[in-house]
N, C-alpha and C. Protein backbone atom coordinates (compact mmCIF):
# COMPACT_ATOMS: atom_id res chain seq x y z
N MET A 1 -33.48 7.29 -34.28
CA MET A 1 -32.79 6.22 -33.58
C MET A 1 -31.20 6.12 -34.28
N ARG A 2 -30.68 6.51 -35.72
CA ARG A 2 -29.81 7.66 -36.32
C ARG A 2 -28.74 8.05 -35.54
N PHE A 3 -30.02 8.85 -34.76
CA PHE A 3 -28.93 10.41 -33.78
C PHE A 3 -28.75 9.87 -32.41
N LYS A 4 -29.86 9.55 -32.05
CA LYS A 4 -28.66 8.78 -30.80
C LYS A 4 -27.41 8.33 -30.79
N LYS A 5 -27.96 7.49 -31.96
CA LYS A 5 -26.51 6.77 -31.93
C LYS A 5 -25.01 7.39 -32.48
N SER A 6 -25.54 9.54 -33.24
CA SER A 6 -24.98 9.53 -33.61
C SER A 6 -23.89 10.72 -32.20
N ILE A 7 -25.62 10.74 -30.85
CA ILE A 7 -24.98 12.05 -30.37
C ILE A 7 -24.43 10.68 -28.96
N LEU A 8 -24.79 10.08 -29.33
CA LEU A 8 -23.82 8.43 -27.95
C LEU A 8 -22.24 8.82 -28.83
N PHE A 9 -21.83 9.07 -30.16
CA PHE A 9 -20.79 8.33 -30.46
C PHE A 9 -19.48 10.16 -30.02
N PHE A 10 -20.81 11.34 -30.72
CA PHE A 10 -19.99 11.82 -29.78
C PHE A 10 -19.52 12.58 -28.74
N LEU A 11 -20.65 11.84 -27.60
CA LEU A 11 -20.57 11.92 -26.21
C LEU A 11 -18.91 11.49 -25.93
N PHE A 12 -19.17 9.89 -26.27
CA PHE A 12 -17.97 9.14 -26.49
C PHE A 12 -17.36 9.41 -27.03
N PHE A 13 -17.17 10.54 -27.85
CA PHE A 13 -15.68 10.91 -28.18
C PHE A 13 -15.19 12.23 -27.14
N LEU A 14 -16.17 12.67 -26.65
CA LEU A 14 -15.32 14.16 -26.36
C LEU A 14 -14.96 13.28 -24.23
N PHE A 15 -15.95 12.37 -23.97
CA PHE A 15 -14.89 11.68 -22.80
C PHE A 15 -13.95 11.39 -23.35
N SER A 16 -13.72 10.74 -24.46
CA SER A 16 -11.77 10.29 -24.54
C SER A 16 -11.18 10.94 -24.34
N ILE A 17 -11.27 12.72 -24.86
CA ILE A 17 -10.57 14.10 -25.50
C ILE A 17 -10.70 13.46 -23.80
N PHE A 18 -11.50 14.38 -23.24
CA PHE A 18 -10.98 14.49 -21.91
C PHE A 18 -10.46 13.57 -20.65
N CYS A 19 -10.43 12.36 -21.39
CA CYS A 19 -10.10 11.99 -20.35
C CYS A 19 -8.34 11.65 -20.43
N LEU A 20 -7.67 11.80 -22.40
CA LEU A 20 -6.75 11.78 -22.27
C LEU A 20 -6.22 13.70 -21.67
N PHE A 21 -6.93 14.88 -22.05
CA PHE A 21 -6.29 15.93 -21.32
C PHE A 21 -5.68 15.42 -20.10
N ALA A 22 -6.82 14.78 -18.97
CA ALA A 22 -6.76 14.99 -18.04
C ALA A 22 -5.13 14.50 -17.60
N GLN A 23 -5.25 12.97 -18.48
CA GLN A 23 -3.55 12.57 -17.81
C GLN A 23 -2.97 13.39 -18.26
N LYS A 24 -2.44 14.14 -19.09
CA LYS A 24 -1.63 14.77 -19.79
C LYS A 24 -1.75 15.93 -18.72
N THR A 25 -2.76 16.42 -18.20
CA THR A 25 -2.23 16.97 -17.19
C THR A 25 -1.67 16.94 -15.64
N HIS A 26 -1.99 15.77 -15.60
CA HIS A 26 -1.57 15.17 -14.42
C HIS A 26 -0.31 14.60 -14.71
N ILE A 27 0.18 14.31 -15.92
CA ILE A 27 1.65 14.28 -16.31
C ILE A 27 2.14 15.45 -16.28
N ASP A 28 1.73 17.11 -17.37
CA ASP A 28 2.77 17.40 -16.94
C ASP A 28 2.85 18.65 -15.34
N SER A 29 2.38 18.19 -14.38
CA SER A 29 2.25 18.43 -13.02
C SER A 29 3.11 17.83 -11.83
N LEU A 30 2.68 16.95 -12.41
CA LEU A 30 4.14 15.32 -11.57
C LEU A 30 5.70 16.37 -12.30
N GLU A 31 5.75 16.85 -14.12
CA GLU A 31 6.99 16.63 -13.98
C GLU A 31 7.23 18.24 -13.70
N ALA A 32 7.04 19.27 -13.96
CA ALA A 32 6.71 20.04 -12.73
C ALA A 32 7.04 20.51 -11.31
N LYS A 33 5.99 18.70 -10.71
CA LYS A 33 6.72 19.04 -9.53
C LYS A 33 7.36 18.37 -8.66
N LEU A 34 8.42 17.81 -10.41
CA LEU A 34 9.62 17.31 -9.91
C LEU A 34 10.65 18.18 -10.38
N LYS A 35 10.66 18.99 -11.02
CA LYS A 35 11.70 20.69 -11.14
C LYS A 35 12.33 20.85 -8.87
N THR A 36 11.29 20.35 -8.26
CA THR A 36 10.66 21.59 -6.78
C THR A 36 11.65 20.48 -6.50
N PHE A 37 11.84 19.54 -6.61
CA PHE A 37 12.20 17.90 -5.86
C PHE A 37 13.88 18.07 -5.23
N ALA A 38 14.54 17.24 -4.43
CA ALA A 38 16.00 17.41 -3.93
C ALA A 38 16.32 15.80 -4.49
N ASP A 39 17.19 15.66 -4.25
CA ASP A 39 17.44 13.83 -4.48
C ASP A 39 17.06 13.47 -3.10
N ASP A 40 15.46 13.36 -3.31
CA ASP A 40 15.62 12.47 -1.93
C ASP A 40 14.31 11.12 -2.49
N THR A 41 13.57 10.85 -1.38
CA THR A 41 12.46 9.87 -1.66
C THR A 41 11.70 10.22 -2.25
N SER A 42 10.73 11.87 -1.71
CA SER A 42 10.04 12.79 -3.09
C SER A 42 10.04 12.10 -4.77
N ARG A 43 11.27 13.02 -5.08
CA ARG A 43 11.89 12.55 -5.46
C ARG A 43 11.53 11.04 -6.49
N ALA A 44 11.89 10.24 -5.36
CA ALA A 44 12.33 8.88 -6.35
C ALA A 44 10.38 8.49 -6.55
N LEU A 45 9.49 8.63 -5.62
CA LEU A 45 7.77 8.74 -5.65
C LEU A 45 7.83 9.00 -6.64
N THR A 46 8.09 10.36 -6.83
CA THR A 46 7.69 11.44 -8.13
C THR A 46 8.58 10.04 -9.26
N LEU A 47 9.44 10.13 -8.80
CA LEU A 47 9.46 9.46 -10.58
C LEU A 47 9.01 8.00 -10.91
N LEU A 48 8.19 7.71 -10.46
CA LEU A 48 7.95 6.64 -9.61
C LEU A 48 6.65 6.51 -10.42
N GLU A 49 5.67 7.76 -9.54
CA GLU A 49 4.45 7.72 -10.91
C GLU A 49 4.08 8.08 -11.73
N LEU A 50 5.24 9.32 -11.80
CA LEU A 50 5.67 9.42 -13.86
C LEU A 50 5.42 7.91 -14.56
N ALA A 51 6.37 7.21 -14.39
CA ALA A 51 6.65 6.25 -14.55
C ALA A 51 5.66 5.26 -14.60
N GLU A 52 4.93 4.83 -13.60
CA GLU A 52 3.30 4.77 -14.29
C GLU A 52 2.56 5.05 -14.77
N GLU A 53 2.31 6.11 -14.76
CA GLU A 53 1.43 7.25 -15.85
C GLU A 53 1.81 6.81 -16.81
N LEU A 54 2.32 6.86 -17.60
CA LEU A 54 2.93 6.60 -18.88
C LEU A 54 3.32 5.25 -19.24
N SER A 55 3.05 3.98 -18.63
CA SER A 55 3.76 3.32 -18.65
C SER A 55 2.37 2.44 -20.21
N GLY A 56 1.49 3.41 -20.38
CA GLY A 56 0.65 2.78 -21.16
C GLY A 56 0.15 3.20 -22.37
N SER A 57 1.40 4.36 -21.88
CA SER A 57 1.17 5.92 -23.60
C SER A 57 2.28 5.74 -24.03
N ASP A 58 3.56 5.03 -23.14
CA ASP A 58 4.54 6.32 -23.43
C ASP A 58 6.26 4.94 -23.14
N SER A 59 5.84 3.63 -23.17
CA SER A 59 7.16 2.74 -22.28
C SER A 59 8.09 3.60 -22.48
N LYS A 60 9.02 3.88 -23.47
CA LYS A 60 10.52 4.40 -23.95
C LYS A 60 9.98 5.60 -22.86
N LYS A 61 9.61 6.94 -22.47
CA LYS A 61 9.15 8.40 -21.31
C LYS A 61 9.61 7.44 -19.90
N SER A 62 8.56 6.21 -19.55
CA SER A 62 8.30 5.43 -18.46
C SER A 62 9.63 4.63 -17.88
N GLU A 63 10.28 4.34 -19.14
CA GLU A 63 11.44 3.42 -18.27
C GLU A 63 12.68 4.04 -18.32
N SER A 64 12.94 5.63 -18.67
CA SER A 64 13.68 6.79 -18.36
C SER A 64 13.56 6.96 -17.02
N TYR A 65 12.42 7.32 -17.17
CA TYR A 65 12.14 7.88 -15.50
C TYR A 65 12.02 6.66 -14.28
N LEU A 66 12.07 5.14 -14.57
CA LEU A 66 12.11 4.09 -13.65
C LEU A 66 13.80 4.22 -13.56
N LYS A 67 14.13 4.14 -14.66
CA LYS A 67 16.11 4.17 -14.61
C LYS A 67 16.54 4.48 -13.59
N GLU A 68 15.42 6.32 -13.45
CA GLU A 68 16.45 7.44 -12.76
C GLU A 68 16.02 7.34 -11.16
N ALA A 69 14.55 6.80 -11.12
CA ALA A 69 13.98 6.55 -9.94
C ALA A 69 14.67 5.02 -8.86
N LEU A 70 15.11 3.72 -10.23
CA LEU A 70 15.14 2.46 -9.11
C LEU A 70 17.22 3.87 -9.24
N GLU A 71 17.88 4.25 -9.46
CA GLU A 71 18.98 4.73 -9.20
C GLU A 71 19.27 5.32 -8.32
N LEU A 72 18.59 6.09 -7.50
CA LEU A 72 17.57 7.08 -6.92
C LEU A 72 17.91 6.33 -5.54
N SER A 73 16.62 5.92 -5.55
CA SER A 73 16.52 4.86 -4.64
C SER A 73 17.43 4.47 -4.49
N GLN A 74 18.58 3.24 -5.48
CA GLN A 74 19.21 2.54 -4.60
C GLN A 74 20.68 3.75 -3.87
N ARG A 75 20.32 5.36 -3.80
CA ARG A 75 22.07 6.09 -3.13
C ARG A 75 21.01 5.48 -2.05
N LEU A 76 19.43 6.22 -2.61
CA LEU A 76 19.20 6.39 -0.67
C LEU A 76 18.67 4.92 0.22
N SER A 77 18.86 4.15 -0.05
CA SER A 77 18.61 2.76 0.42
C SER A 77 17.22 2.50 0.13
N PHE A 78 16.20 3.58 -0.19
CA PHE A 78 15.13 3.18 -0.20
C PHE A 78 14.80 2.18 -1.01
N LYS A 79 14.14 1.51 -0.03
CA LYS A 79 14.21 0.08 -0.28
C LYS A 79 12.67 -0.42 -0.98
N ASN A 80 11.09 1.22 -0.46
CA ASN A 80 10.25 0.34 -1.46
C ASN A 80 10.46 1.29 -2.59
N GLY A 81 11.34 2.42 -2.99
CA GLY A 81 11.45 2.34 -4.31
C GLY A 81 11.86 1.85 -4.83
N ILE A 82 12.73 0.70 -4.84
CA ILE A 82 13.69 0.10 -5.62
C ILE A 82 13.08 -1.23 -5.70
N ALA A 83 11.89 -2.21 -4.79
CA ALA A 83 10.84 -2.89 -5.38
C ALA A 83 10.60 -2.47 -6.00
N LYS A 84 9.54 -1.68 -6.17
CA LYS A 84 8.18 -0.39 -6.54
C LYS A 84 9.16 -0.41 -8.40
N SER A 85 9.84 -0.20 -7.80
CA SER A 85 10.65 -0.16 -9.68
C SER A 85 10.73 -0.85 -10.08
N TYR A 86 11.50 -2.27 -9.48
CA TYR A 86 11.47 -3.31 -10.36
C TYR A 86 10.70 -3.97 -10.75
N PHE A 87 9.19 -3.61 -9.36
CA PHE A 87 7.61 -3.95 -10.66
C PHE A 87 7.20 -3.74 -11.43
N ILE A 88 7.68 -2.01 -11.21
CA ILE A 88 6.84 -1.72 -12.56
C ILE A 88 7.87 -1.67 -13.43
N PHE A 89 8.74 -2.48 -13.97
CA PHE A 89 10.02 -2.49 -15.14
C PHE A 89 9.66 -4.02 -15.59
N GLY A 90 8.76 -4.95 -14.51
CA GLY A 90 8.31 -6.40 -14.51
C GLY A 90 6.76 -6.24 -15.62
N ASN A 91 6.52 -5.19 -14.57
CA ASN A 91 4.72 -4.65 -16.13
C ASN A 91 4.59 -4.48 -17.16
N LEU A 92 6.11 -3.66 -17.43
CA LEU A 92 6.33 -2.92 -18.53
C LEU A 92 6.52 -4.34 -19.62
N SER A 93 7.74 -4.67 -18.94
CA SER A 93 7.96 -6.75 -19.40
C SER A 93 7.04 -7.08 -20.14
N GLU A 94 6.60 -7.45 -19.24
CA GLU A 94 5.25 -8.02 -19.17
C GLU A 94 4.18 -7.42 -20.79
N ASN A 95 3.55 -6.53 -20.40
CA ASN A 95 3.16 -5.58 -21.66
C ASN A 95 3.47 -5.48 -22.95
N ASP A 96 5.58 -6.22 -23.04
CA ASP A 96 5.69 -5.76 -23.88
C ASP A 96 6.58 -7.30 -24.20
N SER A 97 5.62 -7.68 -23.86
CA SER A 97 5.87 -9.29 -24.02
C SER A 97 6.65 -10.39 -23.78
N ARG A 98 7.92 -9.62 -23.08
CA ARG A 98 9.27 -10.04 -23.24
C ARG A 98 8.88 -10.20 -21.06
N TYR A 99 8.53 -11.22 -21.68
CA TYR A 99 8.43 -12.49 -20.38
C TYR A 99 9.06 -12.78 -19.59
N GLY A 100 10.48 -13.14 -19.84
CA GLY A 100 11.76 -13.69 -19.64
C GLY A 100 11.80 -12.39 -18.40
N ASP A 101 12.04 -11.61 -19.44
CA ASP A 101 12.21 -9.78 -17.89
C ASP A 101 11.39 -9.24 -16.96
N ALA A 102 9.96 -9.93 -18.20
CA ALA A 102 9.43 -10.18 -16.36
C ALA A 102 9.52 -10.38 -15.66
N ILE A 103 10.22 -12.01 -15.56
CA ILE A 103 10.20 -13.20 -14.36
C ILE A 103 11.17 -12.59 -13.87
N ILE A 104 12.20 -11.89 -14.55
CA ILE A 104 13.77 -11.56 -13.64
C ILE A 104 13.46 -10.46 -13.03
N GLN A 105 12.23 -9.07 -13.38
CA GLN A 105 12.04 -7.62 -12.97
C GLN A 105 11.03 -8.29 -11.31
N LEU A 106 10.17 -8.92 -11.44
CA LEU A 106 9.35 -9.07 -10.81
C LEU A 106 9.73 -10.15 -9.11
N GLY A 107 10.43 -10.41 -9.89
CA GLY A 107 11.15 -11.83 -8.57
C GLY A 107 12.16 -10.45 -8.17
N LYS A 108 12.76 -10.06 -8.57
CA LYS A 108 13.67 -8.75 -7.50
C LYS A 108 12.45 -8.05 -6.46
N ALA A 109 12.07 -7.74 -7.23
CA ALA A 109 10.46 -7.23 -6.71
C ALA A 109 10.19 -7.71 -5.93
N LEU A 110 10.19 -8.77 -5.76
CA LEU A 110 9.89 -9.23 -4.82
C LEU A 110 10.60 -10.20 -2.94
N LYS A 111 11.95 -10.34 -3.62
CA LYS A 111 12.96 -10.06 -2.95
C LYS A 111 12.85 -8.66 -2.13
N VAL A 112 12.76 -8.12 -3.04
CA VAL A 112 13.20 -6.73 -1.91
C VAL A 112 11.98 -6.65 -1.22
N TYR A 113 9.97 -6.77 -1.91
CA TYR A 113 8.97 -6.92 -0.65
C TYR A 113 9.81 -7.84 0.05
N TYR A 114 9.94 -9.38 0.27
CA TYR A 114 10.30 -10.21 1.00
C TYR A 114 11.12 -9.10 2.73
N GLU A 115 12.23 -8.35 1.97
CA GLU A 115 13.31 -8.44 2.90
C GLU A 115 12.02 -7.00 3.58
N ILE A 116 11.07 -6.14 2.95
CA ILE A 116 10.71 -5.09 4.22
C ILE A 116 9.31 -6.00 4.37
N GLY A 117 9.45 -7.16 4.60
CA GLY A 117 8.17 -7.56 4.83
C GLY A 117 6.93 -7.19 4.72
N ASP A 118 6.47 -6.49 3.34
CA ASP A 118 5.61 -6.29 3.31
C ASP A 118 4.51 -6.63 2.56
N LYS A 119 2.84 -7.59 2.80
CA LYS A 119 3.08 -8.98 2.57
C LYS A 119 1.57 -8.77 1.33
N GLU A 120 0.97 -7.36 1.75
CA GLU A 120 0.18 -6.67 0.24
C GLU A 120 1.10 -6.69 -0.42
N LYS A 121 2.78 -6.01 -0.59
CA LYS A 121 2.50 -5.96 -3.01
C LYS A 121 3.45 -7.48 -2.21
N ILE A 122 4.11 -8.06 -1.13
CA ILE A 122 4.40 -9.96 -1.82
C ILE A 122 3.19 -9.90 -2.17
N SER A 123 1.72 -10.05 -2.30
CA SER A 123 0.89 -10.99 -2.68
C SER A 123 0.68 -10.24 -4.02
N ASN A 124 0.50 -9.15 -4.66
CA ASN A 124 0.50 -8.28 -5.44
C ASN A 124 1.43 -8.68 -6.68
N CYS A 125 3.48 -9.74 -6.32
CA CYS A 125 3.99 -9.56 -7.44
C CYS A 125 3.23 -11.46 -7.17
N LEU A 126 3.35 -11.81 -6.96
CA LEU A 126 3.24 -13.27 -7.14
C LEU A 126 1.84 -13.09 -7.40
N ASN A 127 0.70 -12.95 -7.80
CA ASN A 127 -0.60 -12.78 -8.49
C ASN A 127 1.11 -12.21 -9.86
N LYS A 128 1.68 -11.05 -10.10
CA LYS A 128 1.74 -10.45 -11.45
C LYS A 128 2.73 -11.72 -12.06
N ILE A 129 3.15 -12.81 -10.65
CA ILE A 129 4.79 -12.90 -11.41
C ILE A 129 3.73 -14.51 -12.75
N GLY A 130 2.43 -14.85 -11.77
CA GLY A 130 1.84 -15.77 -11.97
C GLY A 130 0.89 -15.58 -13.13
N ASP A 131 0.62 -14.06 -13.62
CA ASP A 131 0.00 -13.65 -15.04
C ASP A 131 1.30 -13.99 -15.85
N VAL A 132 2.72 -13.60 -15.70
CA VAL A 132 3.43 -13.86 -16.48
C VAL A 132 3.79 -15.79 -16.85
N TYR A 133 3.91 -16.57 -15.95
CA TYR A 133 3.13 -17.81 -16.81
C TYR A 133 2.38 -17.89 -16.77
N TRP A 134 1.46 -17.13 -16.96
CA TRP A 134 -0.22 -18.12 -17.03
C TRP A 134 0.03 -16.91 -19.00
N TRP A 135 1.11 -16.30 -19.80
CA TRP A 135 1.57 -15.32 -20.51
C TRP A 135 1.42 -17.09 -21.15
N LEU A 136 2.14 -17.27 -20.93
CA LEU A 136 3.68 -18.05 -20.99
C LEU A 136 2.63 -19.54 -21.75
N ALA A 137 2.00 -20.03 -20.95
CA ALA A 137 1.33 -20.75 -20.18
C ALA A 137 1.63 -22.03 -19.60
N ASP A 138 2.92 -21.50 -18.63
CA ASP A 138 3.20 -22.55 -17.49
C ASP A 138 1.94 -23.00 -16.58
N TYR A 139 0.92 -23.62 -16.48
CA TYR A 139 0.15 -23.35 -15.84
C TYR A 139 0.57 -23.69 -14.51
N GLN A 140 0.97 -24.62 -14.61
CA GLN A 140 1.62 -25.07 -13.00
C GLN A 140 2.79 -24.06 -12.43
N HIS A 141 3.24 -22.71 -12.46
CA HIS A 141 3.35 -22.53 -12.28
C HIS A 141 2.92 -20.68 -11.82
N ALA A 142 2.05 -21.28 -12.54
CA ALA A 142 1.11 -19.57 -12.91
C ALA A 142 0.02 -19.75 -11.81
N LEU A 143 -0.55 -21.19 -11.71
CA LEU A 143 -0.99 -21.77 -9.90
C LEU A 143 -0.02 -21.61 -8.19
N GLU A 144 0.79 -22.52 -8.42
CA GLU A 144 2.10 -22.10 -7.72
C GLU A 144 2.18 -20.60 -7.21
N ASN A 145 2.08 -19.65 -8.08
CA ASN A 145 2.42 -18.07 -7.70
C ASN A 145 1.05 -18.10 -7.14
N TYR A 146 -0.09 -18.24 -7.60
CA TYR A 146 -1.23 -17.71 -6.77
C TYR A 146 -2.06 -17.93 -6.34
N PHE A 147 -1.12 -19.83 -5.95
CA PHE A 147 -2.42 -20.35 -3.98
C PHE A 147 -0.98 -19.64 -3.71
N ASN A 148 0.69 -19.23 -3.82
CA ASN A 148 0.85 -18.34 -3.04
C ASN A 148 1.27 -17.39 -2.37
N ALA A 149 0.13 -16.44 -3.12
CA ALA A 149 -0.35 -15.04 -2.95
C ALA A 149 -1.92 -15.15 -2.06
N LEU A 150 -2.28 -16.45 -2.75
CA LEU A 150 -4.25 -16.29 -1.77
C LEU A 150 -4.05 -16.65 -0.34
N LYS A 151 -2.80 -17.58 -0.13
CA LYS A 151 -2.04 -18.24 1.39
C LYS A 151 -2.14 -17.16 2.06
N ILE A 152 -1.72 -15.99 1.42
CA ILE A 152 -1.14 -14.56 2.13
C ILE A 152 -2.16 -14.19 2.45
N ASN A 153 -3.10 -13.86 1.22
CA ASN A 153 -3.79 -13.05 1.55
C ASN A 153 -5.33 -13.16 2.54
N ASP A 154 -5.03 -15.11 1.77
CA ASP A 154 -6.33 -15.59 3.88
C ASP A 154 -6.01 -15.07 4.90
N GLU A 155 -4.09 -14.43 5.07
CA GLU A 155 -3.62 -14.67 6.58
C GLU A 155 -3.73 -13.09 7.34
N THR A 156 -3.63 -12.05 5.91
CA THR A 156 -3.92 -10.79 6.22
C THR A 156 -5.51 -10.46 6.22
N GLY A 157 -6.17 -11.55 6.19
CA GLY A 157 -7.89 -10.80 5.82
C GLY A 157 -8.39 -10.14 4.80
N ASN A 158 -7.16 -9.87 3.78
CA ASN A 158 -6.91 -9.15 2.44
C ASN A 158 -8.11 -9.50 1.82
N LYS A 159 -9.25 -9.25 1.36
CA LYS A 159 -10.94 -9.56 0.86
C LYS A 159 -10.53 -10.12 -0.53
N LYS A 160 -10.37 -8.25 -1.37
CA LYS A 160 -9.96 -8.01 -2.26
C LYS A 160 -9.01 -8.85 -2.71
N GLY A 161 -7.80 -9.48 -2.81
CA GLY A 161 -6.88 -9.59 -2.53
C GLY A 161 -7.08 -11.30 -3.38
N VAL A 162 -8.18 -11.93 -1.86
CA VAL A 162 -8.48 -13.28 -2.20
C VAL A 162 -9.32 -13.35 -3.19
N ALA A 163 -10.16 -12.81 -3.81
CA ALA A 163 -11.27 -12.67 -4.94
C ALA A 163 -10.38 -12.93 -6.19
N ILE A 164 -9.28 -11.60 -5.77
CA ILE A 164 -8.31 -10.94 -7.46
C ILE A 164 -8.01 -12.73 -7.55
N CYS A 165 -6.91 -13.43 -6.42
CA CYS A 165 -6.97 -14.42 -6.23
C CYS A 165 -7.53 -15.91 -7.26
N HIS A 166 -8.25 -15.57 -6.34
CA HIS A 166 -9.63 -16.68 -6.87
C HIS A 166 -10.05 -17.21 -8.32
N ARG A 167 -10.19 -15.23 -8.82
CA ARG A 167 -10.42 -15.63 -10.25
C ARG A 167 -9.20 -15.77 -11.15
N ASN A 168 -7.76 -15.51 -10.76
CA ASN A 168 -6.93 -16.07 -11.51
C ASN A 168 -6.51 -17.43 -11.96
N ILE A 169 -6.84 -17.67 -10.44
CA ILE A 169 -6.41 -19.50 -10.45
C ILE A 169 -8.27 -20.20 -11.42
N GLY A 170 -8.97 -19.39 -11.09
CA GLY A 170 -10.68 -19.22 -11.77
C GLY A 170 -9.89 -19.86 -13.95
N TRP A 171 -8.92 -18.26 -14.17
CA TRP A 171 -8.82 -18.55 -15.20
C TRP A 171 -7.87 -19.00 -15.95
N VAL A 172 -7.08 -19.83 -14.93
CA VAL A 172 -6.02 -21.28 -15.79
C VAL A 172 -6.82 -22.57 -15.08
N TYR A 173 -7.39 -22.56 -14.57
CA TYR A 173 -8.79 -24.08 -14.52
C TYR A 173 -9.35 -23.60 -16.44
N TYR A 174 -9.93 -22.47 -15.54
CA TYR A 174 -10.75 -22.22 -17.78
C TYR A 174 -10.59 -22.17 -18.25
N ARG A 175 -9.14 -22.43 -18.83
CA ARG A 175 -8.53 -22.29 -20.31
C ARG A 175 -8.90 -23.10 -20.78
């Protein structure tokens, strides 16, 4: 029995190292790819992908890529890039427990997604804003955002989005 536990621990350890290595090589390849792009939407999207990849492990570097992506997206009037930059900034702020800043950044993303008319992203923003309010124990605002997201997901037939909204609403009532 002890031998099996040792083998399981060793396999888990190897798997963890493999995952970290795989993430590192993906980040390295994105950084190499970044050097080949001029200041265009491809560069902005790559910066955003890098920021997202690094958001869980290196928030400072992630923010640096985000700032560059936001500035470039604004210069190019690339609304999807602008909105996604604000959304990722909101996620970083939430992860760092800077909830007021998270609401501001997510609100900016939401505004741009409304301008674009991207209902799926609007729903994602509303859900994320609801999550921030949940962390603040402002359950009324959390529910308001979750129900607004649910309505959009119902209208668009997004079953996965509907399920996520119901789960989030359930968490509020479970608390």
